[in-house]
């Protein structure tokens, strides 16, 4: 299973997300935007937060509110945010009720994520477009991590889409995945000889429409706040790529094609 490891950068104090094979898929932390700029206890005010200007982002719009983001484990009920150490900020939050905007964005973020113009990449095959029956054909994808900046409910939201798992459909009724293996190109000398984790061997000649479905996971941050996981995936399938599977035949001949252009196996041989 592909998940995410949530860590805290000791240099910046900003949580980060790292995909790995057996990590939990849900952020174990909860977050709160402290509008009182308390940096370390009820009586310690962050001077940078007090000096931060949050002008309106649209003509006639409302000014933002300076905030400091704080983090606590979800296992703690009512953590008493006053005494928790900040993890990000100061930054601006634009909403008439800053305490509600995170919940409002969280409600719709999966739908917004699935509307992003994410490039699904392409399915590549080696060799292509022709391959041989009985030989391993190497498949891989060019899908990459992509970032987007949106305005949602008046807030600046940064989203990241990361390819996490792949399902290869080979067109002959077989498939591979979901698997974390994106595959990789191999030297031409290895084509039809060496099998990779994402190779497939066709057992019959014909034309086969192959595709790959990439499952993207996502994170988002609001106004430079901590990155939060999106609970859901964006699944994108490439256009079919026709794989033409041929077979080989062997025969003993008395001369070369240069000596006899109509000999068996030569371009001018009788069909």
Protein backbone atom coordinates (compact mmCIF):
# COMPACT_ATOMS: atom_id res chain seq x y z
CA UNK A 1 0.00 0.00 0.00
CA UNK A 2 1.24 3.50 -0.78
CA UNK A 3 0.79 6.07 1.95
CA UNK A 4 2.36 9.20 3.34
CA UNK A 5 4.73 9.90 6.20
CA UNK A 6 4.11 13.22 7.96
CA UNK A 7 7.26 14.84 9.35
CA UNK A 8 8.24 18.21 10.80
CA UNK A 9 11.11 20.11 9.23
CA UNK A 10 13.28 21.20 12.18
CA UNK A 11 14.69 24.12 10.19
CA UNK A 12 11.42 25.71 9.14
CA UNK A 13 8.91 24.13 11.50
CA UNK A 14 6.73 23.26 8.50
CA UNK A 15 5.30 19.74 8.26
CA UNK A 16 6.14 17.82 5.12
CA UNK A 17 4.74 14.80 3.33
CA UNK A 18 6.80 11.86 2.08
CA UNK A 19 5.26 8.96 0.19
CA UNK A 20 6.31 5.49 1.24
CA UNK A 21 5.08 1.95 0.94
CA UNK A 22 3.60 1.27 4.37
CA UNK A 23 2.89 4.68 5.94
CA UNK A 24 -0.59 5.81 7.11
CA UNK A 25 -2.72 7.64 4.53
CA UNK A 26 -4.28 10.05 7.05
CA UNK A 27 -2.53 13.00 8.67
CA UNK A 28 -2.37 12.23 12.42
CA UNK A 29 -2.42 15.95 13.30
CA UNK A 30 -5.05 18.67 13.63
CA UNK A 31 -4.42 22.36 12.88
CA UNK A 32 -5.66 25.73 14.10
CA UNK A 33 -5.09 29.28 12.84
CA UNK A 34 -4.38 31.43 15.91
CA UNK A 35 -5.78 34.88 15.11
CA UNK A 36 -4.34 36.34 18.34
CA UNK A 37 -0.73 35.91 17.13
CA UNK A 38 0.29 34.01 20.25
CA UNK A 39 3.68 32.51 19.53
CA UNK A 40 4.52 30.78 22.83
CA UNK A 41 1.85 30.91 25.50
CA UNK A 42 -1.01 33.36 26.17
CA UNK A 43 1.21 36.34 26.87
CA UNK A 44 3.80 35.98 24.08
CA UNK A 45 2.83 37.80 20.92
CA UNK A 46 4.73 37.28 17.66
CA UNK A 47 5.93 40.74 16.52
CA UNK A 48 6.05 39.61 12.89
CA UNK A 49 2.41 38.63 13.07
CA UNK A 50 1.42 41.99 14.54
CA UNK A 51 3.35 43.85 11.86
CA UNK A 52 1.97 41.73 8.99
CA UNK A 53 -0.25 43.61 6.54
CA UNK A 54 -3.03 41.64 4.85
CA UNK A 55 -4.53 43.88 2.17
CA UNK A 56 -7.57 42.76 0.18
CA UNK A 57 -6.74 40.48 -2.74
CA UNK A 58 -9.62 41.73 -4.91
CA UNK A 59 -11.04 45.23 -5.51
CA UNK A 60 -13.54 46.00 -2.79
CA UNK A 61 -12.68 42.80 -0.95
CA UNK A 62 -12.10 42.38 2.77
CA UNK A 63 -8.68 42.59 4.35
CA UNK A 64 -7.17 39.39 5.66
CA UNK A 65 -6.38 38.40 9.23
CA UNK A 66 -2.80 37.73 10.40
CA UNK A 67 -2.56 34.22 11.85
CA UNK A 68 -0.06 31.73 13.18
CA UNK A 69 -0.67 28.04 12.40
CA UNK A 70 -0.49 25.55 15.26
CA UNK A 71 -0.49 21.78 15.23
CA UNK A 72 -1.52 19.11 17.74
CA UNK A 73 -2.13 15.35 17.54
CA UNK A 74 -5.70 14.36 16.66
CA UNK A 75 -5.60 11.99 19.62
CA UNK A 76 -5.81 15.04 21.94
CA UNK A 77 -9.35 16.35 22.34
CA UNK A 78 -9.60 20.11 22.89
CA UNK A 79 -5.81 20.60 22.98
CA UNK A 80 -5.96 24.15 24.37
CA UNK A 81 -4.24 25.81 21.45
CA UNK A 82 -2.84 28.75 23.44
CA UNK A 83 0.20 26.84 24.68
CA UNK A 84 1.04 24.91 21.51
CA UNK A 85 4.17 25.87 19.58
CA UNK A 86 3.55 27.35 16.07
CA UNK A 87 4.44 25.23 13.03
CA UNK A 88 4.01 27.92 10.35
CA UNK A 89 3.47 31.63 9.98
CA UNK A 90 2.82 34.35 10.37
CA UNK A 91 0.65 34.46 7.26
CA UNK A 92 -2.65 35.93 6.09
CA UNK A 93 -6.06 34.29 6.24
CA UNK A 94 -8.89 35.79 4.19
CA UNK A 95 -12.31 35.04 5.59
CA UNK A 96 -14.93 36.81 7.68
CA UNK A 97 -14.70 33.89 10.10
CA UNK A 98 -11.13 32.62 9.87
CA UNK A 99 -11.86 29.75 12.21
CA UNK A 100 -14.30 28.22 9.71
CA UNK A 101 -12.47 28.62 6.41
CA UNK A 102 -10.28 25.51 6.82
CA UNK A 103 -13.31 23.32 7.41
CA UNK A 104 -15.09 24.88 4.43
CA UNK A 105 -12.13 24.26 2.15
CA UNK A 106 -11.65 20.72 3.47
CA UNK A 107 -15.25 19.95 2.54
CA UNK A 108 -14.70 20.76 -1.13
CA UNK A 109 -10.97 20.17 -1.65
CA UNK A 110 -11.32 16.65 -3.11
CA UNK A 111 -13.70 17.90 -5.81
CA UNK A 112 -11.37 20.82 -6.60
CA UNK A 113 -8.44 18.39 -6.73
CA UNK A 114 -10.24 16.20 -9.25
CA UNK A 115 -10.92 19.21 -11.50
CA UNK A 116 -7.23 20.09 -11.86
CA UNK A 117 -5.71 19.84 -15.36
CA UNK A 118 -3.28 17.14 -14.25
CA UNK A 119 -1.21 15.67 -17.06
CA UNK A 120 -1.62 11.86 -16.90
CA UNK A 121 1.65 11.32 -18.73
CA UNK A 122 2.02 8.72 -21.46
CA UNK A 123 2.39 4.96 -21.66
CA UNK A 124 5.66 3.94 -23.30
CA UNK A 125 6.54 0.52 -24.71
CA UNK A 126 9.85 -1.01 -25.78
CA UNK A 127 9.93 -2.08 -28.57
CA UNK A 128 7.17 -0.02 -30.24
CA UNK A 129 5.03 -0.08 -32.31
CA UNK A 130 5.98 -3.67 -33.16
CA UNK A 131 6.91 -6.31 -30.64
CA UNK A 132 7.27 -10.07 -30.80
CA UNK A 133 5.07 -12.86 -29.51
CA UNK A 134 6.76 -14.64 -26.62
CA UNK A 135 9.23 -11.84 -25.88
CA UNK A 136 8.97 -9.48 -22.86
CA UNK A 137 7.78 -6.00 -23.87
CA UNK A 138 8.87 -3.30 -21.42
CA UNK A 139 6.22 -0.76 -20.36
CA UNK A 140 6.67 2.43 -18.34
CA UNK A 141 4.98 5.79 -17.74
CA UNK A 142 6.09 9.42 -17.91
CA UNK A 143 3.67 10.65 -15.20
CA UNK A 144 5.25 13.21 -12.82
CA UNK A 145 4.42 15.25 -9.71
CA UNK A 146 2.63 18.51 -10.53
CA UNK A 147 1.78 21.65 -8.52
CA UNK A 148 -1.07 24.15 -8.86
CA UNK A 149 -2.05 27.44 -7.22
CA UNK A 150 -5.77 28.22 -6.90
CA UNK A 151 -8.01 30.69 -5.12
CA UNK A 152 -10.66 28.87 -3.10
CA UNK A 153 -13.15 30.81 -0.95
CA UNK A 154 -10.87 33.83 -1.24
CA UNK A 155 -7.83 31.92 0.04
CA UNK A 156 -4.61 31.11 -1.81
CA UNK A 157 -4.41 27.32 -1.98
CA UNK A 158 -1.37 25.39 -3.19
CA UNK A 159 -2.11 21.84 -4.36
CA UNK A 160 0.32 19.08 -5.28
CA UNK A 161 -0.63 15.98 -7.29
CA UNK A 162 1.77 13.04 -6.91
CA UNK A 163 1.60 9.79 -8.93
CA UNK A 164 1.31 7.06 -6.31
CA UNK A 165 0.21 3.85 -8.04
CA UNK A 166 -0.29 2.52 -11.55
CA UNK A 167 -2.50 -0.04 -13.29
CA UNK A 168 -1.25 -1.33 -16.63
CA UNK A 169 -3.87 -2.76 -19.02
CA UNK A 170 -2.16 -4.62 -21.83
CA UNK A 171 -5.15 -5.00 -24.18
CA UNK A 172 -5.11 -8.79 -24.30
CA UNK A 173 -7.33 -9.28 -21.25
CA UNK A 174 -4.49 -9.06 -18.72
CA UNK A 175 -3.36 -6.25 -16.45
CA UNK A 176 -0.80 -5.38 -13.79
CA UNK A 177 -1.54 -3.37 -10.67
CA UNK A 178 -2.27 -1.28 -8.85
CA UNK A 179 1.49 -1.17 -8.30
CA UNK A 180 3.89 1.57 -7.14
CA UNK A 181 6.19 0.66 -10.05
CA UNK A 182 6.23 3.42 -12.68
CA UNK A 183 8.66 1.43 -14.80
CA UNK A 184 11.72 2.79 -16.59
CA UNK A 185 13.31 2.71 -20.07
CA UNK A 186 15.94 0.09 -20.82
CA UNK A 187 18.71 0.03 -23.47
CA UNK A 188 17.67 -1.17 -26.92
CA UNK A 189 20.05 -4.11 -26.61
CA UNK A 190 17.87 -5.44 -23.78
CA UNK A 191 14.56 -5.24 -25.65
CA UNK A 192 12.74 -8.59 -25.87
CA UNK A 193 15.49 -10.16 -23.76
CA UNK A 194 15.35 -8.76 -20.22
CA UNK A 195 12.15 -8.63 -18.19
CA UNK A 196 11.44 -5.69 -15.85
CA UNK A 197 8.83 -5.41 -13.09
CA UNK A 198 6.45 -3.82 -15.60
CA UNK A 199 7.15 -6.04 -18.62
CA UNK A 200 4.45 -8.09 -20.33
CA UNK A 201 4.70 -11.07 -22.68
CA UNK A 202 2.04 -11.43 -25.36
CA UNK A 203 1.15 -15.04 -26.18
CA UNK A 204 -0.63 -14.40 -29.48
CA UNK A 205 -0.15 -12.15 -32.47
CA UNK A 206 -2.51 -9.23 -33.07
CA UNK A 207 -3.07 -5.56 -32.34
CA UNK A 208 -3.66 -4.72 -28.66
CA UNK A 209 -4.83 -1.36 -27.19
CA UNK A 210 -2.67 -0.83 -24.10
CA UNK A 211 -3.36 1.87 -21.47
CA UNK A 212 -2.16 2.90 -18.02
CA UNK A 213 -4.26 4.35 -15.20
CA UNK A 214 -2.31 6.53 -12.76
CA UNK A 215 -3.69 7.17 -9.29
CA UNK A 216 -2.59 10.58 -8.00
CA UNK A 217 -2.63 11.45 -4.30
CA UNK A 218 -2.70 15.09 -3.24
CA UNK A 219 -1.80 17.59 -0.58
CA UNK A 220 -2.92 21.21 -0.15
CA UNK A 221 -1.90 24.19 1.93
CA UNK A 222 -3.95 27.31 2.65
CA UNK A 223 -2.16 30.69 2.58
CA UNK A 224 1.26 29.06 3.05
CA UNK A 225 -0.03 27.01 5.97
CA UNK A 226 1.04 23.41 6.66
CA UNK A 227 0.50 20.84 3.88
CA UNK A 228 -2.63 18.76 4.50
CA UNK A 229 -3.50 15.43 2.85
CA UNK A 230 -6.45 15.14 0.48
CA UNK A 231 -8.54 12.13 1.46
CA UNK A 232 -9.12 10.65 -1.98
CA UNK A 233 -7.34 10.12 -5.28
CA UNK A 234 -7.46 11.40 -8.83
CA UNK A 235 -7.38 8.47 -11.28
CA UNK A 236 -6.43 9.26 -14.89
CA UNK A 237 -6.19 6.83 -17.83
CA UNK A 238 -4.10 7.48 -20.93
CA UNK A 239 -5.37 7.18 -24.49
CA UNK A 240 -4.93 3.62 -25.85
CA UNK A 241 -1.62 2.85 -27.53
CA UNK A 242 -1.80 0.08 -30.14
CA UNK A 243 0.81 -2.63 -29.64
CA UNK A 244 1.32 -4.71 -32.79
CA UNK A 245 2.47 -8.20 -31.84
CA UNK A 246 4.23 -10.15 -34.58
CA UNK A 247 5.78 -13.60 -34.72
CA UNK A 248 9.08 -14.75 -36.20
CA UNK A 249 9.77 -17.65 -38.53
CA UNK A 250 13.10 -19.29 -39.31
CA UNK A 251 14.25 -21.07 -42.46
CA UNK A 252 17.49 -22.14 -44.12
CA UNK A 253 18.21 -20.34 -47.39
CA UNK A 254 20.89 -20.88 -50.02
CA UNK A 255 21.73 -17.24 -50.69
CA UNK A 256 21.40 -13.73 -49.37
CA UNK A 257 18.76 -11.14 -50.29
CA UNK A 258 21.45 -9.22 -52.19
CA UNK A 259 22.21 -12.31 -54.26
CA UNK A 260 18.56 -13.26 -54.71
CA UNK A 261 16.05 -10.48 -53.86
CA UNK A 262 13.12 -12.88 -54.30
CA UNK A 263 14.47 -15.42 -51.84
CA UNK A 264 12.43 -16.46 -48.76
CA UNK A 265 12.31 -13.70 -46.14
CA UNK A 266 13.58 -10.98 -48.50
CA UNK A 267 11.64 -7.76 -49.23
CA UNK A 268 10.89 -8.87 -52.82
CA UNK A 269 9.96 -12.44 -51.96
CA UNK A 270 6.72 -13.75 -53.37
CA UNK A 271 3.90 -13.51 -50.81
